[in-house]
Amino acid sequence: MSNFHKPVLLKEIIEGLGVKKGKKYIDATVGGGGHSFEILRLGGIVLGVDVDRESLEYIKKLGKPENLTLARGNFRDIDKIALLNNFDRAAGIIFDLGVSSHQIDNPTRGFSFQNEGPLDMRMDRELGVRALDLIKILTKKELCEIFTKYSEESYAWEIADAIVKARSIRPIETTRDLAKIAFSIAGQSKKIFQALRIVVNDELNAIAEALPKALGLLDENGMLCVISFHSLEDRIVKKKFAKFEEEHLGKIITKKPIVPSAEELMANSRAKSAKLRIFKK
C-alpha cells in the first residue's frame, strides 16, 4: 500500500476519531486508502471520497472491503456525496489535504519540480485549466499575485518577470522548464509549484466550503480531523474551528496542532510539514 501514499499521522487520526464498531466514517480524501483501511480494520463503515480517479482505481485493485463505499467527487460537495451514498450522519470525518505521494511521484501528472513532466497539476483530470495554461496566459502582475498570495514567495515579482521573458522566446511546457526558471532566481521552485497547484485545483476555497458542510454531517460528539501541509491551509482550518466554537457548535480538541513524531518523520519524510487539528461536535 505504501507505494501509493503512506498515511500521515495514522495513529493520531485513529485516536482522534475514537473509531467504534459499526459506526459510519467519511474519508474525504481517500488517496491510497491508508486511513480508511485502518478504520475498517477496527470495525468502522467508511465512505471514501476522492476527486482523483486513479486513487479509486488503485483501491479497487487492492480488493475493496465490503464496508467501504467509494465515491468520486470534490470534497467541496461532501454534503451531496454523503447524501447520495447514505452517509448523511457520520461519527467522524477526515480530511488529509495536499497531494498524495502517488500524484507527486507520477511524472505525467506534473505536480513535482523534481520529475520531468507536462505542466498539468490537475487532481481532477476533467478540470479545464492546467498549470501550463496559467503560465502561458497570465500577465506578469497576475503571476506575481499568485506566487505572493499562495506561496508567500519573496521573489514573486522576479520569478514572474523571468517567466514572461522566457515564454516570449519559447514556450514553457514542462515541469523542468519552470523549475529551472524559479531555481535560477530563488534557489528553489517548490513554492511556486505549490501556488500553481492551489490555483489550478481551487484548493483553499474548496476547504473553506467543505468544513462547515462536514460539520453538518456529523452526529453529536462526532469528530472532525483535518491534516494540512502548509500555513495557508492550516490558517483556514484554525479559523473555521474557532468560528465553530464561537457559534457553540462544539469544541476544539487540539489547542495546538498535532505534528508527526520523530519516528514517523524517520519513516516518512513527506510527513514533515503535516499538522492535525481536531474538532468535536
Protein backbone atom coordinates (compact mmCIF):
# COMPACT_ATOMS: atom_id res chain seq x y z
CA MET A 1 0.00 0.00 0.00
CA SER A 2 2.85 2.37 0.83
CA ASN A 3 3.88 2.76 -2.81
CA PHE A 4 0.72 4.77 -3.44
CA HIS A 5 0.58 7.00 -0.40
CA LYS A 6 1.78 6.49 3.16
CA PRO A 7 -0.94 7.72 5.50
CA VAL A 8 0.32 10.59 7.64
CA LEU A 9 -0.40 10.79 11.41
CA LEU A 10 -2.32 7.50 11.20
CA LYS A 11 -2.16 6.63 14.90
CA GLU A 12 -3.14 10.18 15.89
CA ILE A 13 -6.08 10.27 13.45
CA ILE A 14 -7.40 6.91 14.69
CA GLU A 15 -7.10 8.04 18.31
CA GLY A 16 -8.76 11.35 17.47
CA LEU A 17 -11.69 9.64 15.77
CA GLY A 18 -12.13 7.08 18.55
CA VAL A 19 -13.35 4.54 15.99
CA LYS A 20 -16.36 2.50 17.11
CA LYS A 21 -17.53 -0.74 15.53
CA GLY A 22 -20.49 -0.34 13.20
CA LYS A 23 -20.28 3.48 13.09
CA LYS A 24 -20.00 5.44 9.83
CA TYR A 25 -16.92 7.47 8.89
CA ILE A 26 -16.14 9.63 5.86
CA ASP A 27 -12.62 9.83 4.45
CA ALA A 28 -12.98 12.94 2.29
CA THR A 29 -9.53 12.44 0.70
CA VAL A 30 -9.19 8.67 0.49
CA GLY A 31 -5.94 8.69 -1.59
CA GLY A 32 -4.31 5.29 -1.24
CA GLY A 33 -6.78 4.27 1.47
CA GLY A 34 -4.35 4.22 4.40
CA HIS A 35 -6.61 5.92 6.94
CA SER A 36 -9.73 4.18 5.63
CA PHE A 37 -8.28 0.66 5.85
CA GLU A 38 -7.36 1.23 9.48
CA ILE A 39 -10.89 2.44 10.31
CA LEU A 40 -12.30 -0.64 8.53
CA ARG A 41 -9.94 -2.92 10.44
CA LEU A 42 -11.38 -1.52 13.68
CA GLY A 43 -14.94 -2.26 12.53
CA GLY A 44 -15.96 1.14 11.14
CA ILE A 45 -18.01 1.62 7.95
CA VAL A 46 -16.34 4.02 5.52
CA LEU A 47 -17.26 6.29 2.64
CA GLY A 48 -14.03 7.05 0.76
CA VAL A 49 -14.18 10.13 -1.45
CA ASP A 50 -11.55 11.30 -3.93
CA VAL A 51 -11.51 13.62 -6.90
CA ASP A 52 -8.70 11.60 -8.48
CA ARG A 53 -9.94 8.61 -10.47
CA GLU A 54 -6.52 6.89 -10.22
CA SER A 55 -6.82 6.78 -6.45
CA LEU A 56 -10.20 4.99 -6.54
CA GLU A 57 -9.00 2.56 -9.21
CA TYR A 58 -5.98 1.73 -7.07
CA ILE A 59 -8.17 0.86 -4.05
CA LYS A 60 -10.48 -1.26 -6.22
CA LYS A 61 -7.44 -3.21 -7.44
CA LEU A 62 -6.45 -3.96 -3.83
CA GLY A 63 -9.83 -5.65 -3.43
CA LYS A 64 -12.42 -3.32 -1.95
CA PRO A 65 -13.64 -4.44 1.52
CA GLU A 66 -17.41 -4.82 1.93
CA ASN A 67 -17.78 -1.98 4.45
CA LEU A 68 -16.13 0.51 2.12
CA THR A 69 -18.13 2.67 -0.30
CA LEU A 70 -16.11 4.64 -2.86
CA ALA A 71 -17.30 7.88 -4.46
CA ARG A 72 -15.60 10.14 -6.95
CA GLY A 73 -16.03 13.85 -6.39
CA ASN A 74 -14.57 17.03 -4.94
CA PHE A 75 -14.87 17.22 -1.16
CA ARG A 76 -16.36 20.71 -1.51
CA ASP A 77 -19.55 18.73 -2.38
CA ILE A 78 -19.21 16.46 0.66
CA ASP A 79 -22.84 17.09 1.70
CA LYS A 80 -24.24 15.91 -1.65
CA ILE A 81 -21.80 12.99 -1.93
CA ALA A 82 -22.65 11.81 1.61
CA LEU A 83 -26.39 12.08 0.97
CA LEU A 84 -26.19 10.08 -2.28
CA ASN A 85 -24.30 7.30 -0.50
CA ASN A 86 -26.48 7.18 2.61
CA PHE A 87 -23.79 8.72 4.86
CA ASP A 88 -25.75 11.78 5.94
CA ARG A 89 -24.87 11.02 9.60
CA ALA A 90 -21.28 10.23 10.46
CA ALA A 91 -19.32 9.57 13.65
CA GLY A 92 -16.16 11.06 12.17
CA ILE A 93 -14.78 12.77 9.07
CA ILE A 94 -11.16 13.04 7.90
CA PHE A 95 -9.55 15.50 5.51
CA ASP A 96 -5.95 14.77 4.56
CA LEU A 97 -5.18 17.82 2.43
CA GLY A 98 -2.42 18.29 -0.11
CA VAL A 99 -1.05 15.98 -2.78
CA SER A 100 -0.63 12.22 -2.43
CA SER A 101 2.78 10.62 -2.91
CA HIS A 102 1.35 8.86 -5.95
CA GLN A 103 0.44 12.17 -7.57
CA ILE A 104 3.88 13.61 -6.81
CA ASP A 105 5.78 10.53 -7.99
CA ASN A 106 3.88 10.15 -11.27
CA PRO A 107 5.72 12.45 -13.72
CA THR A 108 2.75 12.56 -16.13
CA ARG A 109 0.70 14.45 -13.52
CA GLY A 110 3.11 17.40 -13.42
CA PHE A 111 3.00 18.02 -9.65
CA SER A 112 6.70 17.67 -8.93
CA PHE A 113 9.51 20.06 -9.74
CA GLN A 114 11.89 17.09 -9.41
CA ASN A 115 10.45 14.99 -12.26
CA GLU A 116 10.28 15.97 -15.92
CA GLY A 117 6.64 16.02 -17.00
CA PRO A 118 3.88 18.12 -18.52
CA LEU A 119 2.86 21.20 -16.50
CA ASP A 120 -0.52 19.77 -15.55
CA MET A 121 -1.20 19.65 -11.74
CA ARG A 122 -4.92 18.83 -12.00
CA MET A 123 -6.09 16.49 -9.23
CA ASP A 124 -9.26 16.03 -11.23
CA ARG A 125 -8.20 15.39 -14.81
CA GLU A 126 -11.54 16.65 -16.08
CA LEU A 127 -10.76 20.23 -14.99
CA GLY A 128 -10.30 22.60 -17.91
CA VAL A 129 -7.27 24.60 -16.80
CA ARG A 130 -3.77 23.20 -16.28
CA ALA A 131 -0.74 24.90 -14.74
CA LEU A 132 0.59 25.16 -18.30
CA ASP A 133 -2.36 27.38 -19.26
CA LEU A 134 -1.74 29.74 -16.33
CA ILE A 135 1.96 30.04 -17.21
CA LYS A 136 1.04 30.68 -20.84
CA ILE A 137 -1.68 33.34 -20.46
CA LEU A 138 -1.35 35.20 -17.15
CA THR A 139 0.30 38.61 -17.09
CA LYS A 140 3.42 39.32 -15.06
CA LYS A 141 1.25 41.08 -12.44
CA GLU A 142 -1.18 38.14 -12.21
CA LEU A 143 1.63 35.60 -11.87
CA CYS A 144 3.26 37.74 -9.20
CA GLU A 145 -0.05 37.92 -7.28
CA ILE A 146 -0.47 34.13 -7.38
CA PHE A 147 3.08 33.47 -6.17
CA THR A 148 2.75 36.04 -3.38
CA LYS A 149 -0.70 35.00 -2.20
CA TYR A 150 -0.46 31.22 -2.48
CA SER A 151 3.16 30.51 -1.65
CA GLU A 152 4.32 33.62 0.18
CA GLU A 153 7.29 33.63 -2.24
CA SER A 154 9.53 36.64 -1.57
CA TYR A 155 10.94 36.57 -5.14
CA ALA A 156 7.44 36.51 -6.69
CA TRP A 157 7.95 39.56 -8.92
CA GLU A 158 11.38 38.45 -10.16
CA ILE A 159 10.14 34.93 -10.97
CA ALA A 160 7.04 36.30 -12.75
CA ASP A 161 9.29 38.62 -14.75
CA ALA A 162 11.62 35.76 -15.71
CA ILE A 163 8.67 33.57 -16.79
CA VAL A 164 7.26 36.28 -19.05
CA LYS A 165 10.70 36.90 -20.61
CA ALA A 166 11.37 33.17 -21.10
CA ARG A 167 7.99 32.41 -22.67
CA SER A 168 8.46 35.21 -25.21
CA ILE A 169 11.47 33.26 -26.50
CA ARG A 170 9.99 29.77 -26.37
CA PRO A 171 7.00 28.07 -24.66
CA ILE A 172 7.41 26.88 -21.06
CA GLU A 173 5.89 23.41 -21.33
CA THR A 174 7.39 21.06 -18.75
CA THR A 175 7.90 20.97 -15.00
CA ARG A 176 11.64 21.10 -15.59
CA ASP A 177 11.35 24.24 -17.77
CA LEU A 178 9.52 26.05 -14.98
CA ALA A 179 11.64 24.66 -12.14
CA LYS A 180 14.83 25.90 -13.82
CA ILE A 181 13.50 29.45 -14.10
CA ALA A 182 12.38 29.61 -10.47
CA PHE A 183 15.55 27.92 -9.23
CA SER A 184 17.77 30.39 -11.06
CA ILE A 185 16.16 33.23 -9.07
CA ALA A 186 15.02 31.85 -5.71
CA GLY A 187 17.31 28.83 -5.30
CA GLN A 188 14.21 26.61 -5.10
CA SER A 189 10.97 26.11 -7.04
CA LYS A 190 8.77 24.26 -4.55
CA LYS A 191 6.83 27.38 -3.54
CA ILE A 192 5.67 28.41 -6.98
CA PHE A 193 4.66 24.82 -7.78
CA GLN A 194 2.51 24.91 -4.64
CA ALA A 195 0.95 28.22 -5.69
CA LEU A 196 0.04 26.99 -9.18
CA ARG A 197 -1.37 23.73 -7.81
CA ILE A 198 -3.59 25.61 -5.33
CA VAL A 199 -4.96 27.82 -8.10
CA VAL A 200 -5.49 25.02 -10.64
CA ASN A 201 -7.46 22.95 -8.11
CA ASP A 202 -9.06 25.91 -6.27
CA GLU A 203 -7.90 24.18 -3.10
CA LEU A 204 -8.33 26.89 -0.46
CA ASN A 205 -11.90 27.73 -1.46
CA ALA A 206 -12.74 24.02 -1.52
CA ILE A 207 -11.51 23.60 2.09
CA ALA A 208 -13.38 26.68 3.32
CA GLU A 209 -16.60 25.41 1.69
CA ALA A 210 -16.20 21.81 2.82
CA LEU A 211 -15.58 22.22 6.56
CA PRO A 212 -18.99 23.69 7.55
CA LYS A 213 -20.72 21.05 5.38
CA ALA A 214 -18.67 18.30 7.05
CA LEU A 215 -19.64 19.59 10.48
CA GLY A 216 -23.29 19.44 9.42
CA LEU A 217 -22.93 15.74 8.58
CA LEU A 218 -21.54 14.77 11.97
CA ASP A 219 -23.57 13.20 14.76
CA GLU A 220 -23.39 14.77 18.20
CA ASN A 221 -19.90 14.02 19.61
CA GLY A 222 -18.72 13.37 16.05
CA MET A 223 -15.07 14.15 15.32
CA LEU A 224 -13.71 16.29 12.50
CA CYS A 225 -9.99 15.63 11.82
CA VAL A 226 -8.05 17.75 9.35
CA ILE A 227 -4.42 17.32 8.30
CA SER A 228 -2.91 20.30 6.49
CA PHE A 229 0.52 20.68 4.91
CA HIS A 230 1.17 24.41 4.67
CA SER A 231 0.31 27.56 6.58
CA LEU A 232 -2.39 28.73 4.16
CA GLU A 233 -4.41 25.53 4.64
CA ASP A 234 -3.75 25.40 8.36
CA ARG A 235 -4.89 29.00 8.79
CA ILE A 236 -8.26 28.25 7.17
CA VAL A 237 -8.79 25.19 9.37
CA LYS A 238 -7.78 27.09 12.52
CA LYS A 239 -10.14 29.99 11.71
CA LYS A 240 -13.07 27.72 10.83
CA PHE A 241 -12.67 25.71 14.04
CA ALA A 242 -12.52 28.93 16.09
CA LYS A 243 -15.71 30.13 14.38
CA PHE A 244 -17.49 26.80 15.04
CA GLU A 245 -16.53 27.05 18.70
CA GLU A 246 -17.74 30.68 18.93
CA GLU A 247 -21.07 29.60 17.47
CA HIS A 248 -21.34 26.87 20.14
CA LEU A 249 -21.27 24.09 17.55
CA GLY A 250 -18.73 22.08 19.51
CA LYS A 251 -15.20 22.39 20.84
CA ILE A 252 -11.63 22.44 19.61
CA ILE A 253 -9.81 19.35 20.89
CA THR A 254 -6.33 20.39 19.72
CA LYS A 255 -5.36 23.71 21.27
CA LYS A 256 -2.11 23.34 19.33
CA PRO A 257 -1.96 21.22 16.17
CA ILE A 258 -0.59 17.68 16.48
CA VAL A 259 2.60 17.13 14.48
CA PRO A 260 4.35 13.88 13.45
CA SER A 261 6.61 12.08 15.90
CA ALA A 262 10.35 11.72 15.30
CA GLU A 263 9.75 8.03 14.43
CA GLU A 264 7.19 8.92 11.78
CA LEU A 265 9.50 11.53 10.25
CA MET A 266 12.28 8.94 10.04
CA ALA A 267 9.94 6.57 8.20
CA ASN A 268 8.23 9.16 6.00
CA SER A 269 9.99 12.45 5.30
CA ARG A 270 6.91 13.74 3.46
CA ALA A 271 5.09 13.99 6.77
CA LYS A 272 7.43 16.84 7.73
CA SER A 273 5.01 19.77 7.48
CA ALA A 274 1.83 17.91 8.49
CA LYS A 275 -0.39 19.42 11.17
CA LEU A 276 -3.52 17.77 12.56
CA ARG A 277 -6.39 19.73 14.10
CA ILE A 278 -9.43 18.05 15.67
CA PHE A 279 -12.88 19.43 16.41
CA LYS A 280 -15.64 17.69 18.37
CA LYS A 281 -19.25 18.47 17.54
